[in-house]
C-alpha atoms as a PDB file:
ATOM      1  CA  UNK A   1      -8.186  -5.509 -20.291  1.00  0.00           C
ATOM      2  CA  UNK A   2      -6.301  -5.760 -16.997  1.00  0.00           C
ATOM      3  CA  UNK A   3      -5.231  -3.066 -14.605  1.00  0.00           C
ATOM      4  CA  UNK A   4      -3.064  -0.280 -15.941  1.00  0.00           C
ATOM      5  CA  UNK A   5      -1.503   3.056 -15.118  1.00  0.00           C
ATOM      6  CA  UNK A   6      -1.623   6.155 -17.309  1.00  0.00           C
ATOM      7  CA  UNK A   7       1.378   8.444 -17.215  1.00  0.00           C
ATOM      8  CA  UNK A   8       3.039  11.070 -19.326  1.00  0.00           C
ATOM      9  CA  UNK A   9       6.537  12.347 -19.818  1.00  0.00           C
ATOM     10  CA  UNK A  10       8.359  15.049 -21.683  1.00  0.00           C
ATOM     11  CA  UNK A  11      11.499  12.883 -21.614  1.00  0.00           C
ATOM     12  CA  UNK A  12      10.587   9.246 -22.185  1.00  0.00           C
ATOM     13  CA  UNK A  13      14.125   7.933 -21.672  1.00  0.00           C
ATOM     14  CA  UNK A  14      14.271   9.417 -18.169  1.00  0.00           C
ATOM     15  CA  UNK A  15      10.814   8.069 -17.310  1.00  0.00           C
ATOM     16  CA  UNK A  16      11.749   4.573 -18.500  1.00  0.00           C
ATOM     17  CA  UNK A  17      15.029   4.605 -16.608  1.00  0.00           C
ATOM     18  CA  UNK A  18      13.084   5.519 -13.447  1.00  0.00           C
ATOM     19  CA  UNK A  19      10.663   2.618 -13.938  1.00  0.00           C
ATOM     20  CA  UNK A  20      13.564   0.185 -14.347  1.00  0.00           C
ATOM     21  CA  UNK A  21      15.611   1.457 -11.405  1.00  0.00           C
ATOM     22  CA  UNK A  22      14.720  -0.178  -8.096  1.00  0.00           C
ATOM     23  CA  UNK A  23      16.357   2.657  -6.174  1.00  0.00           C
ATOM     24  CA  UNK A  24      14.225   5.210  -8.052  1.00  0.00           C
ATOM     25  CA  UNK A  25      11.080   3.137  -7.524  1.00  0.00           C
ATOM     26  CA  UNK A  26      11.751   3.003  -3.780  1.00  0.00           C
ATOM     27  CA  UNK A  27      11.933   6.817  -3.568  1.00  0.00           C
ATOM     28  CA  UNK A  28       8.220   7.262  -4.211  1.00  0.00           C
ATOM     29  CA  UNK A  29       5.074   5.712  -2.795  1.00  0.00           C
ATOM     30  CA  UNK A  30       3.202   6.024  -6.089  1.00  0.00           C
ATOM     31  CA  UNK A  31       1.048   2.966  -6.691  1.00  0.00           C
ATOM     32  CA  UNK A  32       2.819   2.134  -9.954  1.00  0.00           C
ATOM     33  CA  UNK A  33       6.169   2.075  -8.135  1.00  0.00           C
ATOM     34  CA  UNK A  34       4.830  -0.129  -5.355  1.00  0.00           C
ATOM     35  CA  UNK A  35       3.321  -2.722  -7.701  1.00  0.00           C
ATOM     36  CA  UNK A  36       6.416  -2.802  -9.935  1.00  0.00           C
ATOM     37  CA  UNK A  37       8.534  -3.562  -6.885  1.00  0.00           C
ATOM     38  CA  UNK A  38       6.051  -6.086  -5.509  1.00  0.00           C
ATOM     39  CA  UNK A  39       5.257  -8.092  -8.653  1.00  0.00           C
ATOM     40  CA  UNK A  40       8.308  -7.416 -10.812  1.00  0.00           C
ATOM     41  CA  UNK A  41       8.638  -6.009 -14.287  1.00  0.00           C
ATOM     42  CA  UNK A  42       7.841  -9.306 -15.998  1.00  0.00           C
ATOM     43  CA  UNK A  43       4.207  -8.934 -14.895  1.00  0.00           C
ATOM     44  CA  UNK A  44       3.789  -5.638 -16.766  1.00  0.00           C
ATOM     45  CA  UNK A  45       4.018  -4.251 -20.246  1.00  0.00           C
ATOM     46  CA  UNK A  46       4.583  -0.712 -21.406  1.00  0.00           C
ATOM     47  CA  UNK A  47       2.502   0.741 -24.214  1.00  0.00           C
ATOM     48  CA  UNK A  48       2.996   4.190 -25.660  1.00  0.00           C
ATOM     49  CA  UNK A  49      -0.504   5.391 -26.411  1.00  0.00           C
ATOM     50  CA  UNK A  50       0.425   8.552 -28.243  1.00  0.00           C
ATOM     51  CA  UNK A  51       3.256  10.918 -29.044  1.00  0.00           C
ATOM     52  CA  UNK A  52       2.253  14.572 -28.833  1.00  0.00           C
ATOM     53  CA  UNK A  53       3.635  18.074 -28.542  1.00  0.00           C
ATOM     54  CA  UNK A  54       4.921  19.119 -25.140  1.00  0.00           C
ATOM     55  CA  UNK A  55       2.194  21.751 -24.870  1.00  0.00           C
ATOM     56  CA  UNK A  56      -0.527  19.086 -25.288  1.00  0.00           C
ATOM     57  CA  UNK A  57       0.733  16.522 -22.757  1.00  0.00           C
ATOM     58  CA  UNK A  58      -1.665  17.367 -19.932  1.00  0.00           C
ATOM     59  CA  UNK A  59      -4.635  17.581 -22.294  1.00  0.00           C
ATOM     60  CA  UNK A  60      -3.856  14.192 -23.868  1.00  0.00           C
ATOM     61  CA  UNK A  61      -3.177  12.536 -20.514  1.00  0.00           C
ATOM     62  CA  UNK A  62      -6.547  13.797 -19.266  1.00  0.00           C
ATOM     63  CA  UNK A  63      -8.186  12.364 -22.395  1.00  0.00           C
ATOM     64  CA  UNK A  64      -6.812   8.899 -21.570  1.00  0.00           C
ATOM     65  CA  UNK A  65      -7.753   9.274 -17.889  1.00  0.00           C
ATOM     66  CA  UNK A  66     -11.380   9.731 -18.909  1.00  0.00           C
ATOM     67  CA  UNK A  67     -11.349   7.188 -21.727  1.00  0.00           C
ATOM     68  CA  UNK A  68      -9.696   4.340 -19.821  1.00  0.00           C
ATOM     69  CA  UNK A  69     -10.510   5.049 -16.146  1.00  0.00           C
ATOM     70  CA  UNK A  70      -7.367   3.543 -14.645  1.00  0.00           C
ATOM     71  CA  UNK A  71      -7.629   2.187 -11.113  1.00  0.00           C
ATOM     72  CA  UNK A  72      -3.904   2.801 -10.527  1.00  0.00           C
ATOM     73  CA  UNK A  73      -4.214   6.551 -11.106  1.00  0.00           C
ATOM     74  CA  UNK A  74      -5.266   8.144  -7.838  1.00  0.00           C
ATOM     75  CA  UNK A  75      -5.486  11.672  -9.172  1.00  0.00           C
ATOM     76  CA  UNK A  76      -8.458  12.457 -11.356  1.00  0.00           C
ATOM     77  CA  UNK A  77      -6.966  15.413 -13.213  1.00  0.00           C
ATOM     78  CA  UNK A  78      -3.792  15.161 -15.253  1.00  0.00           C
ATOM     79  CA  UNK A  79      -1.058  17.557 -14.210  1.00  0.00           C
ATOM     80  CA  UNK A  80      -2.927  18.779 -11.136  1.00  0.00           C
ATOM     81  CA  UNK A  81      -2.472  16.995  -7.809  1.00  0.00           C
ATOM     82  CA  UNK A  82      -5.852  18.259  -6.568  1.00  0.00           C
ATOM     83  CA  UNK A  83      -7.251  16.221  -3.755  1.00  0.00           C
ATOM     84  CA  UNK A  84      -3.900  14.574  -3.046  1.00  0.00           C
ATOM     85  CA  UNK A  85      -2.428  15.238   0.367  1.00  0.00           C
ATOM     86  CA  UNK A  86       0.900  13.987   1.623  1.00  0.00           C
ATOM     87  CA  UNK A  87       0.826  12.354   5.047  1.00  0.00           C
ATOM     88  CA  UNK A  88       2.350  14.216   8.002  1.00  0.00           C
ATOM     89  CA  UNK A  89       5.211  11.715   7.920  1.00  0.00           C
ATOM     90  CA  UNK A  90       5.831  12.360   4.202  1.00  0.00           C
ATOM     91  CA  UNK A  91       5.768  16.142   4.683  1.00  0.00           C
ATOM     92  CA  UNK A  92       8.218  15.817   7.576  1.00  0.00           C
ATOM     93  CA  UNK A  93      10.588  13.677   5.480  1.00  0.00           C
ATOM     94  CA  UNK A  94      10.400  16.110   2.556  1.00  0.00           C
ATOM     95  CA  UNK A  95      11.210  19.012   4.884  1.00  0.00           C
ATOM     96  CA  UNK A  96      14.131  17.134   6.446  1.00  0.00           C
ATOM     97  CA  UNK A  97      15.712  16.630   3.015  1.00  0.00           C
ATOM     98  CA  UNK A  98      15.981  20.410   2.702  1.00  0.00           C
ATOM     99  CA  UNK A  99      17.565  21.237   6.064  1.00  0.00           C
ATOM    100  CA  UNK A 100      21.127  22.328   6.772  1.00  0.00           C
ATOM    101  CA  UNK A 101      23.840  20.949   4.515  1.00  0.00           C
ATOM    102  CA  UNK A 102      21.226  19.033   2.495  1.00  0.00           C
ATOM    103  CA  UNK A 103      19.730  22.320   1.294  1.00  0.00           C
ATOM    104  CA  UNK A 104      20.751  23.299  -2.232  1.00  0.00           C
ATOM    105  CA  UNK A 105      21.542  26.842  -1.078  1.00  0.00           C
ATOM    106  CA  UNK A 106      23.613  25.802   1.981  1.00  0.00           C
ATOM    107  CA  UNK A 107      26.936  27.648   2.005  1.00  0.00           C
ATOM    108  CA  UNK A 108      26.143  29.702  -1.067  1.00  0.00           C
ATOM    109  CA  UNK A 109      26.214  33.464  -1.012  1.00  0.00           C
ATOM    110  CA  UNK A 110      24.045  35.911  -2.893  1.00  0.00           C
ATOM    111  CA  UNK A 111      25.835  37.798  -5.619  1.00  0.00           C
ATOM    112  CA  UNK A 112      24.447  40.585  -7.747  1.00  0.00           C
END
């Protein structure tokens, strides 16, 4: 078995469209995005390991984390980004996307 990435999604069509959109892949520095951009989609395959109820997604993802021990998954717990820290540069960029006119609430007023 080669290298692989374990992921989960409540909406598979959205997840797939993100994996096949270069602009979406460029928005994140996740390892899976980087390698898809670097090597191209023809070097990868997608396998759906299991369909499950929405309430069980994290539990089932964690099961596959432990069973398969993927090298592409940095986080060790499904659904919990424990131990992951954004770089200062990443935090700055994320903050800048929420300033001024870029902020969702810019120009809106509170109504009761």
